[in-house]
Amino acid sequence: MGARTRAPYPPAFRAEAVQLVHANGRSLSQVAKDLGVHHETLRGWVKQMAIDGGRAMG
């Protein structure tokens, strides 16, 4: 049998998660923990939304 994969997170969930990172004084790791996602997953979403929004990541 093949490995099970998790269904992708809905775009609205991703957008809300990224907004929480930017809006609160909490760390990215804390927001990820609160939402039950891996911090590197959330970091990737933040980075991709910045790229999509035309903001350079440095």
Protein backbone atom coordinates (compact mmCIF):
# COMPACT_ATOMS: atom_id res chain seq x y z
CA MET A 1 0.00 0.00 0.00
CA GLY A 2 1.14 3.54 -0.71
CA ALA A 3 1.77 6.13 1.93
CA ARG A 4 -1.17 8.23 2.99
CA THR A 5 -0.96 11.91 2.27
CA ARG A 6 -2.88 14.67 3.92
CA ALA A 7 -5.29 16.68 1.80
CA PRO A 8 -3.93 20.16 1.12
CA TYR A 9 -4.99 22.95 3.42
CA PRO A 10 -7.72 25.15 1.93
CA PRO A 11 -6.51 28.49 0.55
CA ALA A 12 -8.68 30.40 3.03
CA PHE A 13 -6.99 28.60 5.94
CA ARG A 14 -3.56 29.40 4.54
CA ALA A 15 -4.44 33.07 4.07
CA GLU A 16 -5.83 33.35 7.59
CA ALA A 17 -2.74 31.65 9.03
CA VAL A 18 -0.44 34.09 7.24
CA GLN A 19 -2.56 37.00 8.42
CA LEU A 20 -2.22 35.78 12.01
CA VAL A 21 1.57 35.78 11.66
CA HIS A 22 1.56 39.38 10.44
CA ALA A 23 -1.17 40.73 12.74
CA ASN A 24 -0.09 39.40 16.12
CA GLY A 25 2.97 39.77 18.27
CA ARG A 26 3.26 35.98 18.38
CA SER A 27 6.08 34.15 16.69
CA LEU A 28 5.59 32.16 13.53
CA SER A 29 6.33 28.99 15.52
CA GLN A 30 3.66 29.81 18.09
CA VAL A 31 1.02 30.50 15.44
CA ALA A 32 1.93 27.23 13.71
CA LYS A 33 1.63 25.33 16.98
CA ASP A 34 -1.73 26.95 17.77
CA LEU A 35 -3.06 25.99 14.32
CA GLY A 36 -1.59 22.49 14.35
CA VAL A 37 0.66 22.93 11.32
CA HIS A 38 4.41 22.48 11.05
CA HIS A 39 6.30 25.77 11.42
CA GLU A 40 8.15 25.20 8.13
CA THR A 41 4.83 24.72 6.37
CA LEU A 42 3.61 28.05 7.69
CA ARG A 43 6.94 29.70 6.87
CA GLY A 44 6.54 28.52 3.27
CA TRP A 45 3.04 29.98 3.09
CA VAL A 46 4.27 33.33 4.42
CA LYS A 47 7.11 33.36 1.90
CA GLN A 48 4.90 32.38 -1.03
CA MET A 49 2.24 34.98 -0.20
CA ALA A 50 4.96 37.64 -0.02
CA ILE A 51 6.22 36.58 -3.45
CA ASP A 52 2.70 36.48 -4.85
CA GLY A 53 2.06 39.93 -3.39
CA GLY A 54 5.16 41.38 -5.04
CA ARG A 55 7.15 41.80 -1.82
CA ALA A 56 10.75 40.68 -1.87
CA MET A 57 11.88 38.31 0.85
CA GLY A 58 15.29 39.11 2.20
